Amino acid sequence: MVALTFTACTTSAPPGARKLSNLEYTRAPGRPLKLDLYLPNGATNKLPVLVWIHGGAWKMGSKNWCPIAPLVTNGVAVASIEYRLSNEAKFPAQIMDCRAAIRWLRANAATHGLDADRIGAFGASAGGHLAALLGTASDVKEWDAGLHLDQSPRVQCVVAFYPPTDLDELTSGWFWRKVSFSDVGRLIGGAVEQNRDRVARANPVNYISQDTPPFYLLHGERDRLVPIRQSELLHAALRQAGIPVHFELVPGKGHAIGPPPAAVPRLNHFLRQHLGLPDHGEAAAGR
């Protein structure tokens, strides 16, 4: 498999692949929500799907940058989705949009040659938070609305890079807990200290069950934006519940990082094991 480079730009289709841009997967009030679908050329088998969820503190970011698009050359489809940001809608709108995208992919699997039984979520930072919620909270039916309600929003595995997992603990310091314009405050629509019940609803760690799929977590040891304890909390809770989980700690690194070369084979193995990606050998991992 190829290495992943986390450098922001507008992503084009990799060589040997094509990009279907701006496919409408549902409608929010007043506008459509869209995704970009990257597909390998000449595929003859149904393709497993990785769904990329961008970060940006729930307040910024775009589907147009998809750092995992190069994986499409390894026999996987990649869907990069947009979701409503916190200046447009409050939680749970963001996870409702992600679930709608998963349902759309299943409903349109035959059209695009996708395997509806092999869909994984992959997100970083705020996107990692939403990917984790896709994994742990699949049975929260109140988060399903709109089209394709006959389809499941469940994913078969989750890759989450430096995800917020306990938003109450993440919002530290008396000032930020009492104002509504912190990143978490903007997400939930009020100050954390006065809305701890709403914050708890957004915490992936609160939904873990025996149905939770396998997780791959990656976090920089020196992350100050989303402290490493956020991944440690989720890792411990998953292990306690008996859910397969791999936790990749990256020494000396902070936020917004990609996997270091030594971690790439372990990530590749996780995707092969839990999503059924074909094995093209580890020789390509460093390219």
C-alpha atoms as a PDB file:
ATOM      1  CA  MET A   1       0.000   0.000   0.000  1.00  0.00           C
ATOM      2  CA  VAL A   2       0.989   3.611  -0.347  1.00  0.00           C
ATOM      3  CA  ALA A   3       2.008   5.906   2.459  1.00  0.00           C
ATOM      4  CA  LEU A   4      -0.392   8.678   3.426  1.00  0.00           C
ATOM      5  CA  THR A   5       0.631  12.339   3.237  1.00  0.00           C
ATOM      6  CA  PHE A   6      -1.372  14.776   5.353  1.00  0.00           C
ATOM      7  CA  THR A   7      -0.811  17.991   3.415  1.00  0.00           C
ATOM      8  CA  ALA A   8      -3.891  20.060   2.634  1.00  0.00           C
ATOM      9  CA  CYS A   9      -4.811  20.662  -1.017  1.00  0.00           C
ATOM     10  CA  THR A  10      -7.570  19.825  -3.476  1.00  0.00           C
ATOM     11  CA  THR A  11      -7.246  16.156  -4.299  1.00  0.00           C
ATOM     12  CA  SER A  12      -7.267  14.816  -7.843  1.00  0.00           C
ATOM     13  CA  ALA A  13      -7.765  11.203  -8.824  1.00  0.00           C
ATOM     14  CA  PRO A  14      -4.532   9.218  -8.455  1.00  0.00           C
ATOM     15  CA  PRO A  15      -3.051   7.601 -11.579  1.00  0.00           C
ATOM     16  CA  GLY A  16      -5.105   4.576 -12.557  1.00  0.00           C
ATOM     17  CA  ALA A  17      -8.227   5.894 -10.857  1.00  0.00           C
ATOM     18  CA  ARG A  18     -11.130   8.246 -11.492  1.00  0.00           C
ATOM     19  CA  LYS A  19     -12.979  10.748  -9.337  1.00  0.00           C
ATOM     20  CA  LEU A  20     -16.742  11.227  -9.325  1.00  0.00           C
ATOM     21  CA  SER A  21     -17.205  14.682  -7.839  1.00  0.00           C
ATOM     22  CA  ASN A  22     -20.098  16.228  -5.938  1.00  0.00           C
ATOM     23  CA  LEU A  23     -22.460  13.287  -5.753  1.00  0.00           C
ATOM     24  CA  GLU A  24     -25.475  14.332  -3.696  1.00  0.00           C
ATOM     25  CA  TYR A  25     -26.058  11.893  -0.842  1.00  0.00           C
ATOM     26  CA  THR A  26     -28.777  13.736   1.075  1.00  0.00           C
ATOM     27  CA  ARG A  27     -30.291  17.178   1.556  1.00  0.00           C
ATOM     28  CA  ALA A  28     -29.867  19.448   4.532  1.00  0.00           C
ATOM     29  CA  PRO A  29     -32.287  22.348   5.060  1.00  0.00           C
ATOM     30  CA  GLY A  30     -31.796  24.580   2.047  1.00  0.00           C
ATOM     31  CA  ARG A  31     -28.983  22.743   0.289  1.00  0.00           C
ATOM     32  CA  PRO A  32     -27.636  19.367  -0.847  1.00  0.00           C
ATOM     33  CA  LEU A  33     -24.816  17.513   0.901  1.00  0.00           C
ATOM     34  CA  LYS A  34     -22.263  15.917  -1.388  1.00  0.00           C
ATOM     35  CA  LEU A  35     -19.418  13.447  -1.497  1.00  0.00           C
ATOM     36  CA  ASP A  36     -16.537  12.690  -3.868  1.00  0.00           C
ATOM     37  CA  LEU A  37     -16.022   9.062  -4.846  1.00  0.00           C
ATOM     38  CA  TYR A  38     -12.596   7.803  -5.923  1.00  0.00           C
ATOM     39  CA  LEU A  39     -12.637   4.502  -7.840  1.00  0.00           C
ATOM     40  CA  PRO A  40      -9.857   2.387  -9.354  1.00  0.00           C
ATOM     41  CA  ASN A  41     -10.094   1.896 -13.091  1.00  0.00           C
ATOM     42  CA  GLY A  42     -10.812  -1.593 -14.376  1.00  0.00           C
ATOM     43  CA  ALA A  43     -12.039  -3.118 -11.106  1.00  0.00           C
ATOM     44  CA  THR A  44     -13.848  -6.428 -11.642  1.00  0.00           C
ATOM     45  CA  ASN A  45     -14.720  -7.301  -8.036  1.00  0.00           C
ATOM     46  CA  LYS A  46     -16.903  -5.414  -5.592  1.00  0.00           C
ATOM     47  CA  LEU A  47     -14.778  -2.825  -3.837  1.00  0.00           C
ATOM     48  CA  PRO A  48     -14.503  -2.277  -0.096  1.00  0.00           C
ATOM     49  CA  VAL A  49     -15.045   1.367   0.837  1.00  0.00           C
ATOM     50  CA  LEU A  50     -13.148   3.760   3.089  1.00  0.00           C
ATOM     51  CA  VAL A  51     -15.084   6.891   4.043  1.00  0.00           C
ATOM     52  CA  TRP A  52     -12.863   9.923   4.719  1.00  0.00           C
ATOM     53  CA  ILE A  53     -14.206  12.465   7.256  1.00  0.00           C
ATOM     54  CA  HIS A  54     -12.209  15.680   7.363  1.00  0.00           C
ATOM     55  CA  GLY A  55     -11.159  17.527  10.491  1.00  0.00           C
ATOM     56  CA  GLY A  56     -11.222  21.228  11.349  1.00  0.00           C
ATOM     57  CA  ALA A  57     -12.679  21.554  14.865  1.00  0.00           C
ATOM     58  CA  TRP A  58     -16.181  20.917  13.431  1.00  0.00           C
ATOM     59  CA  LYS A  59     -16.119  24.530  12.152  1.00  0.00           C
ATOM     60  CA  MET A  60     -13.992  24.382   9.004  1.00  0.00           C
ATOM     61  CA  GLY A  61     -12.551  21.955   6.482  1.00  0.00           C
ATOM     62  CA  SER A  62     -13.681  20.453   3.198  1.00  0.00           C
ATOM     63  CA  LYS A  63     -14.228  17.150   1.446  1.00  0.00           C
ATOM     64  CA  ASN A  64     -12.070  18.513  -1.386  1.00  0.00           C
ATOM     65  CA  TRP A  65      -8.918  17.475   0.486  1.00  0.00           C
ATOM     66  CA  CYS A  66      -8.750  13.700   0.790  1.00  0.00           C
ATOM     67  CA  PRO A  67      -5.336  12.462   1.950  1.00  0.00           C
ATOM     68  CA  ILE A  68      -6.386   8.796   1.823  1.00  0.00           C
ATOM     69  CA  ALA A  69      -7.337   8.975  -1.879  1.00  0.00           C
ATOM     70  CA  PRO A  70      -4.044   7.241  -2.893  1.00  0.00           C
ATOM     71  CA  LEU A  71      -5.343   4.070  -1.253  1.00  0.00           C
ATOM     72  CA  VAL A  72      -7.709   3.709  -4.205  1.00  0.00           C
ATOM     73  CA  THR A  73      -4.850   2.168  -6.191  1.00  0.00           C
ATOM     74  CA  ASN A  74      -4.899  -0.772  -3.785  1.00  0.00           C
ATOM     75  CA  GLY A  75      -8.342  -2.059  -4.662  1.00  0.00           C
ATOM     76  CA  VAL A  76     -10.525   0.096  -2.417  1.00  0.00           C
ATOM     77  CA  ALA A  77     -13.037   2.817  -3.147  1.00  0.00           C
ATOM     78  CA  VAL A  78     -12.622   6.051  -1.182  1.00  0.00           C
ATOM     79  CA  ALA A  79     -15.522   8.390  -0.416  1.00  0.00           C
ATOM     80  CA  SER A  80     -14.728  11.873   0.903  1.00  0.00           C
ATOM     81  CA  ILE A  81     -17.827  13.403   2.467  1.00  0.00           C
ATOM     82  CA  GLU A  82     -18.922  16.861   3.470  1.00  0.00           C
ATOM     83  CA  TYR A  83     -20.992  17.454   6.585  1.00  0.00           C
ATOM     84  CA  ARG A  84     -22.631  20.479   8.130  1.00  0.00           C
ATOM     85  CA  LEU A  85     -20.207  22.547  10.183  1.00  0.00           C
ATOM     86  CA  SER A  86     -21.002  24.032  13.570  1.00  0.00           C
ATOM     87  CA  ASN A  87     -21.727  27.498  12.158  1.00  0.00           C
ATOM     88  CA  GLU A  88     -24.528  25.946  10.090  1.00  0.00           C
ATOM     89  CA  ALA A  89     -26.018  23.336  12.425  1.00  0.00           C
ATOM     90  CA  LYS A  90     -25.453  22.023  15.937  1.00  0.00           C
ATOM     91  CA  PHE A  91     -24.776  18.476  17.052  1.00  0.00           C
ATOM     92  CA  PRO A  92     -26.055  15.866  16.213  1.00  0.00           C
ATOM     93  CA  ALA A  93     -26.354  17.248  12.659  1.00  0.00           C
ATOM     94  CA  GLN A  94     -22.739  16.287  11.904  1.00  0.00           C
ATOM     95  CA  ILE A  95     -23.082  12.611  12.794  1.00  0.00           C
ATOM     96  CA  MET A  96     -26.508  12.457  11.146  1.00  0.00           C
ATOM     97  CA  ASP A  97     -24.856  13.591   7.909  1.00  0.00           C
ATOM     98  CA  CYS A  98     -22.119  10.966   8.223  1.00  0.00           C
ATOM     99  CA  ARG A  99     -24.692   8.248   8.790  1.00  0.00           C
ATOM    100  CA  ALA A 100     -26.675   9.440   5.762  1.00  0.00           C
ATOM    101  CA  ALA A 101     -23.521   9.133   3.640  1.00  0.00           C
ATOM    102  CA  ILE A 102     -22.986   5.525   4.777  1.00  0.00           C
ATOM    103  CA  ARG A 103     -26.601   4.689   3.946  1.00  0.00           C
ATOM    104  CA  TRP A 104     -26.249   6.317   0.501  1.00  0.00           C
ATOM    105  CA  LEU A 105     -23.139   4.283  -0.252  1.00  0.00           C
ATOM    106  CA  ARG A 106     -25.001   1.080   0.585  1.00  0.00           C
ATOM    107  CA  ALA A 107     -28.058   2.079  -1.436  1.00  0.00           C
ATOM    108  CA  ASN A 108     -25.849   2.882  -4.454  1.00  0.00           C
ATOM    109  CA  ALA A 109     -23.332   0.079  -4.051  1.00  0.00           C
ATOM    110  CA  ALA A 110     -24.448  -1.814  -7.146  1.00  0.00           C
ATOM    111  CA  THR A 111     -24.255   1.338  -9.303  1.00  0.00           C
ATOM    112  CA  HIS A 112     -20.626   2.018  -8.382  1.00  0.00           C
ATOM    113  CA  GLY A 113     -19.329  -1.529  -7.865  1.00  0.00           C
ATOM    114  CA  LEU A 114     -19.050  -1.235  -4.086  1.00  0.00           C
ATOM    115  CA  ASP A 115     -19.231  -3.929  -1.433  1.00  0.00           C
ATOM    116  CA  ALA A 116     -22.014  -2.857   0.922  1.00  0.00           C
ATOM    117  CA  ASP A 117     -20.760  -5.281   3.569  1.00  0.00           C
ATOM    118  CA  ARG A 118     -17.262  -3.770   3.761  1.00  0.00           C
ATOM    119  CA  ILE A 119     -17.378  -0.088   4.677  1.00  0.00           C
ATOM    120  CA  GLY A 120     -14.861   1.532   7.015  1.00  0.00           C
ATOM    121  CA  ALA A 121     -14.717   5.029   8.519  1.00  0.00           C
ATOM    122  CA  PHE A 122     -11.448   6.995   8.500  1.00  0.00           C
ATOM    123  CA  GLY A 123     -11.191  10.435  10.094  1.00  0.00           C
ATOM    124  CA  ALA A 124      -8.701  12.821  11.659  1.00  0.00           C
ATOM    125  CA  SER A 125      -9.221  15.197  14.596  1.00  0.00           C
ATOM    126  CA  ALA A 126     -12.883  16.322  14.485  1.00  0.00           C
ATOM    127  CA  GLY A 127     -13.303  13.846  11.644  1.00  0.00           C
ATOM    128  CA  GLY A 128     -11.819  11.178  13.897  1.00  0.00           C
ATOM    129  CA  HIS A 129     -14.442  12.046  16.497  1.00  0.00           C
ATOM    130  CA  LEU A 130     -17.218  11.529  13.935  1.00  0.00           C
ATOM    131  CA  ALA A 131     -15.619   8.327  12.624  1.00  0.00           C
ATOM    132  CA  ALA A 132     -15.473   7.025  16.195  1.00  0.00           C
ATOM    133  CA  LEU A 133     -19.156   7.878  16.689  1.00  0.00           C
ATOM    134  CA  LEU A 134     -20.004   5.958  13.507  1.00  0.00           C
ATOM    135  CA  GLY A 135     -18.311   2.983  15.121  1.00  0.00           C
ATOM    136  CA  THR A 136     -19.639   3.154  18.661  1.00  0.00           C
ATOM    137  CA  ALA A 137     -23.109   4.681  18.223  1.00  0.00           C
ATOM    138  CA  SER A 138     -24.496   2.811  15.228  1.00  0.00           C
ATOM    139  CA  ASP A 139     -27.676   1.857  17.119  1.00  0.00           C
ATOM    140  CA  VAL A 140     -28.765   5.437  17.939  1.00  0.00           C
ATOM    141  CA  LYS A 141     -31.772   5.448  15.616  1.00  0.00           C
ATOM    142  CA  GLU A 142     -32.723   9.055  16.395  1.00  0.00           C
ATOM    143  CA  TRP A 143     -29.644  10.082  14.382  1.00  0.00           C
ATOM    144  CA  ASP A 144     -31.148   8.649  11.187  1.00  0.00           C
ATOM    145  CA  ALA A 145     -33.270  10.887   8.981  1.00  0.00           C
ATOM    146  CA  GLY A 146     -33.794  11.536   5.301  1.00  0.00           C
ATOM    147  CA  LEU A 147     -33.159   9.061   2.505  1.00  0.00           C
ATOM    148  CA  HIS A 148     -32.339   5.334   2.409  1.00  0.00           C
ATOM    149  CA  LEU A 149     -33.589   4.576   5.900  1.00  0.00           C
ATOM    150  CA  ASP A 150     -33.806   0.917   4.895  1.00  0.00           C
ATOM    151  CA  GLN A 151     -29.982   0.851   4.816  1.00  0.00           C
ATOM    152  CA  SER A 152     -27.702   0.419   7.828  1.00  0.00           C
ATOM    153  CA  PRO A 153     -25.310   3.204   8.953  1.00  0.00           C
ATOM    154  CA  ARG A 154     -23.014   0.603  10.546  1.00  0.00           C
ATOM    155  CA  VAL A 155     -19.322   0.470   9.592  1.00  0.00           C
ATOM    156  CA  GLN A 156     -17.077  -2.586   9.748  1.00  0.00           C
ATOM    157  CA  CYS A 157     -14.001  -0.826  11.157  1.00  0.00           C
ATOM    158  CA  VAL A 158     -12.801   2.620  12.240  1.00  0.00           C
ATOM    159  CA  VAL A 159      -9.493   4.415  11.778  1.00  0.00           C
ATOM    160  CA  ALA A 160      -9.323   7.528  13.958  1.00  0.00           C
ATOM    161  CA  PHE A 161      -6.312   9.824  14.072  1.00  0.00           C
ATOM    162  CA  TYR A 162      -6.056  12.016  17.222  1.00  0.00           C
ATOM    163  CA  PRO A 163      -9.821  11.971  17.850  1.00  0.00           C
ATOM    164  CA  PRO A 164     -11.659  13.931  20.542  1.00  0.00           C
ATOM    165  CA  THR A 165     -13.490  11.242  22.497  1.00  0.00           C
ATOM    166  CA  ASP A 166     -14.540  12.950  25.754  1.00  0.00           C
ATOM    167  CA  LEU A 167     -15.546  16.505  24.900  1.00  0.00           C
ATOM    168  CA  ASP A 168     -16.188  17.443  28.524  1.00  0.00           C
ATOM    169  CA  GLU A 169     -12.621  16.641  29.518  1.00  0.00           C
ATOM    170  CA  LEU A 170     -11.274  18.114  26.279  1.00  0.00           C
ATOM    171  CA  THR A 171     -12.693  21.532  27.181  1.00  0.00           C
ATOM    172  CA  SER A 172     -10.355  22.439  30.030  1.00  0.00           C
ATOM    173  CA  GLY A 173      -9.967  25.701  31.880  1.00  0.00           C
ATOM    174  CA  TRP A 174     -12.739  27.585  33.652  1.00  0.00           C
ATOM    175  CA  PHE A 175     -13.022  30.256  30.953  1.00  0.00           C
ATOM    176  CA  TRP A 176     -13.540  27.908  27.995  1.00  0.00           C
ATOM    177  CA  ARG A 177     -16.020  25.816  29.947  1.00  0.00           C
ATOM    178  CA  LYS A 178     -18.236  28.844  30.633  1.00  0.00           C
ATOM    179  CA  VAL A 179     -18.375  30.385  27.146  1.00  0.00           C
ATOM    180  CA  SER A 180     -20.373  29.246  24.154  1.00  0.00           C
ATOM    181  CA  PHE A 181     -17.698  30.115  21.580  1.00  0.00           C
ATOM    182  CA  SER A 182     -15.251  27.326  22.395  1.00  0.00           C
ATOM    183  CA  ASP A 183     -15.016  24.735  19.624  1.00  0.00           C
ATOM    184  CA  VAL A 184     -17.097  22.274  21.644  1.00  0.00           C
ATOM    185  CA  GLY A 185     -19.489  25.055  22.672  1.00  0.00           C
ATOM    186  CA  ARG A 186     -20.064  25.953  19.038  1.00  0.00           C
ATOM    187  CA  LEU A 187     -20.660  22.282  18.240  1.00  0.00           C
ATOM    188  CA  ILE A 188     -23.287  21.673  20.910  1.00  0.00           C
ATOM    189  CA  GLY A 189     -24.809  25.156  20.904  1.00  0.00           C
ATOM    190  CA  GLY A 190     -23.915  26.367  24.393  1.00  0.00           C
ATOM    191  CA  ALA A 191     -21.323  26.530  27.143  1.00  0.00           C
ATOM    192  CA  VAL A 192     -19.945  23.143  28.175  1.00  0.00           C
ATOM    193  CA  GLU A 193     -20.418  23.755  31.904  1.00  0.00           C
ATOM    194  CA  GLN A 194     -24.145  24.442  31.468  1.00  0.00           C
ATOM    195  CA  ASN A 195     -24.748  21.687  28.891  1.00  0.00           C
ATOM    196  CA  ARG A 196     -22.906  18.638  30.140  1.00  0.00           C
ATOM    197  CA  ASP A 197     -25.782  16.366  29.119  1.00  0.00           C
ATOM    198  CA  ARG A 198     -25.502  17.559  25.523  1.00  0.00           C
ATOM    199  CA  VAL A 199     -21.740  17.120  25.645  1.00  0.00           C
ATOM    200  CA  ALA A 200     -22.143  13.562  26.922  1.00  0.00           C
ATOM    201  CA  ARG A 201     -24.365  12.734  23.934  1.00  0.00           C
ATOM    202  CA  ALA A 202     -21.465  13.614  21.625  1.00  0.00           C
ATOM    203  CA  ASN A 203     -18.876  11.402  23.369  1.00  0.00           C
ATOM    204  CA  PRO A 204     -17.939   8.207  21.467  1.00  0.00           C
ATOM    205  CA  VAL A 205     -16.766   6.561  24.699  1.00  0.00           C
ATOM    206  CA  ASN A 206     -20.346   6.597  26.022  1.00  0.00           C
ATOM    207  CA  TYR A 207     -21.734   4.272  23.344  1.00  0.00           C
ATOM    208  CA  ILE A 208     -19.319   1.329  23.267  1.00  0.00           C
ATOM    209  CA  SER A 209     -21.037  -2.055  23.158  1.00  0.00           C
ATOM    210  CA  GLN A 210     -20.325  -5.599  22.046  1.00  0.00           C
ATOM    211  CA  ASP A 211     -21.394  -4.532  18.540  1.00  0.00           C
ATOM    212  CA  THR A 212     -18.654  -1.904  18.249  1.00  0.00           C
ATOM    213  CA  PRO A 213     -16.305  -2.710  15.336  1.00  0.00           C
ATOM    214  CA  PRO A 214     -12.486  -2.875  15.504  1.00  0.00           C
ATOM    215  CA  PHE A 215     -10.577   0.397  15.902  1.00  0.00           C
ATOM    216  CA  TYR A 216      -7.178   1.699  14.840  1.00  0.00           C
ATOM    217  CA  LEU A 217      -6.113   4.797  16.809  1.00  0.00           C
ATOM    218  CA  LEU A 218      -3.122   7.038  16.088  1.00  0.00           C
ATOM    219  CA  HIS A 219      -2.052   9.982  18.252  1.00  0.00           C
ATOM    220  CA  GLY A 220       0.997  12.193  18.613  1.00  0.00           C
ATOM    221  CA  GLU A 221       2.592  12.024  22.055  1.00  0.00           C
ATOM    222  CA  ARG A 222       2.955  15.821  22.224  1.00  0.00           C
ATOM    223  CA  ASP A 223      -0.448  16.770  20.834  1.00  0.00           C
ATOM    224  CA  ARG A 224      -1.557  19.911  22.674  1.00  0.00           C
ATOM    225  CA  LEU A 225      -4.668  20.593  20.615  1.00  0.00           C
ATOM    226  CA  VAL A 226      -6.274  17.212  21.261  1.00  0.00           C
ATOM    227  CA  PRO A 227      -4.242  15.722  24.135  1.00  0.00           C
ATOM    228  CA  ILE A 228      -3.234  12.093  23.817  1.00  0.00           C
ATOM    229  CA  ARG A 229      -5.418  11.231  26.788  1.00  0.00           C
ATOM    230  CA  GLN A 230      -8.403  11.487  24.445  1.00  0.00           C
ATOM    231  CA  SER A 231      -7.191   8.408  22.566  1.00  0.00           C
ATOM    232  CA  GLU A 232      -6.081   6.748  25.788  1.00  0.00           C
ATOM    233  CA  LEU A 233      -9.633   7.005  27.167  1.00  0.00           C
ATOM    234  CA  LEU A 234     -11.153   5.423  24.076  1.00  0.00           C
ATOM    235  CA  HIS A 235      -8.453   2.764  23.878  1.00  0.00           C
ATOM    236  CA  ALA A 236      -9.018   1.739  27.497  1.00  0.00           C
ATOM    237  CA  ALA A 237     -12.797   1.641  27.091  1.00  0.00           C
ATOM    238  CA  LEU A 238     -12.583  -0.455  23.931  1.00  0.00           C
ATOM    239  CA  ARG A 239     -10.201  -2.911  25.556  1.00  0.00           C
ATOM    240  CA  GLN A 240     -12.424  -3.202  28.622  1.00  0.00           C
ATOM    241  CA  ALA A 241     -15.343  -4.086  26.342  1.00  0.00           C
ATOM    242  CA  GLY A 242     -13.265  -6.690  24.501  1.00  0.00           C
ATOM    243  CA  ILE A 243     -13.263  -4.783  21.183  1.00  0.00           C
ATOM    244  CA  PRO A 244     -10.182  -5.293  18.954  1.00  0.00           C
ATOM    245  CA  VAL A 245      -8.163  -2.081  18.995  1.00  0.00           C
ATOM    246  CA  HIS A 246      -4.672  -1.013  17.971  1.00  0.00           C
ATOM    247  CA  PHE A 247      -3.262   2.173  19.500  1.00  0.00           C
ATOM    248  CA  GLU A 248      -0.364   3.767  17.610  1.00  0.00           C
ATOM    249  CA  LEU A 249       1.470   6.287  19.787  1.00  0.00           C
ATOM    250  CA  VAL A 250       3.773   8.556  17.769  1.00  0.00           C
ATOM    251  CA  PRO A 251       6.652   9.754  19.991  1.00  0.00           C
ATOM    252  CA  GLY A 252       7.615  13.421  19.913  1.00  0.00           C
ATOM    253  CA  LYS A 253       4.848  14.478  17.493  1.00  0.00           C
ATOM    254  CA  GLY A 254       1.906  16.835  17.886  1.00  0.00           C
ATOM    255  CA  HIS A 255      -1.372  17.349  16.063  1.00  0.00           C
ATOM    256  CA  ALA A 256      -2.247  16.988  12.355  1.00  0.00           C
ATOM    257  CA  ILE A 257       0.223  14.236  11.525  1.00  0.00           C
ATOM    258  CA  GLY A 258       0.109  11.261   9.205  1.00  0.00           C
ATOM    259  CA  PRO A 259       1.332   7.789  10.114  1.00  0.00           C
ATOM    260  CA  PRO A 260       5.126   7.542  10.344  1.00  0.00           C
ATOM    261  CA  PRO A 261       6.781   4.951   8.086  1.00  0.00           C
ATOM    262  CA  ALA A 262       7.032   2.372  10.876  1.00  0.00           C
ATOM    263  CA  ALA A 263       3.270   2.562  11.455  1.00  0.00           C
ATOM    264  CA  VAL A 264       2.198   2.121   7.834  1.00  0.00           C
ATOM    265  CA  PRO A 265       2.534  -1.703   7.765  1.00  0.00           C
ATOM    266  CA  ARG A 266       0.407  -1.983  10.917  1.00  0.00           C
ATOM    267  CA  LEU A 267      -2.278   0.257   9.422  1.00  0.00           C
ATOM    268  CA  ASN A 268      -2.162  -1.766   6.206  1.00  0.00           C
ATOM    269  CA  HIS A 269      -2.552  -4.976   8.192  1.00  0.00           C
ATOM    270  CA  PHE A 270      -5.537  -3.559  10.078  1.00  0.00           C
ATOM    271  CA  LEU A 271      -7.298  -2.616   6.834  1.00  0.00           C
ATOM    272  CA  ARG A 272      -6.586  -5.999   5.266  1.00  0.00           C
ATOM    273  CA  GLN A 273      -7.795  -7.847   8.335  1.00  0.00           C
ATOM    274  CA  HIS A 274     -10.975  -5.898   9.016  1.00  0.00           C
ATOM    275  CA  LEU A 275     -11.959  -4.464   5.628  1.00  0.00           C
ATOM    276  CA  GLY A 276     -10.563  -7.129   3.327  1.00  0.00           C
ATOM    277  CA  LEU A 277      -8.231  -4.895   1.352  1.00  0.00           C
ATOM    278  CA  PRO A 278      -6.030  -6.949  -0.973  1.00  0.00           C
ATOM    279  CA  ASP A 279      -2.416  -7.545   0.009  1.00  0.00           C
ATOM    280  CA  HIS A 280      -0.136  -5.833  -2.497  1.00  0.00           C
ATOM    281  CA  GLY A 281       2.913  -6.292  -0.310  1.00  0.00           C
ATOM    282  CA  GLU A 282       4.599  -3.957   2.120  1.00  0.00           C
ATOM    283  CA  ALA A 283       7.231  -2.877  -0.404  1.00  0.00           C
ATOM    284  CA  ALA A 284       4.928  -0.096  -1.564  1.00  0.00           C
ATOM    285  CA  ALA A 285       4.280   1.240   1.923  1.00  0.00           C
ATOM    286  CA  GLY A 286       7.149   3.692   1.874  1.00  0.00           C
ATOM    287  CA  ARG A 287       6.447   5.200  -1.544  1.00  0.00           C
END
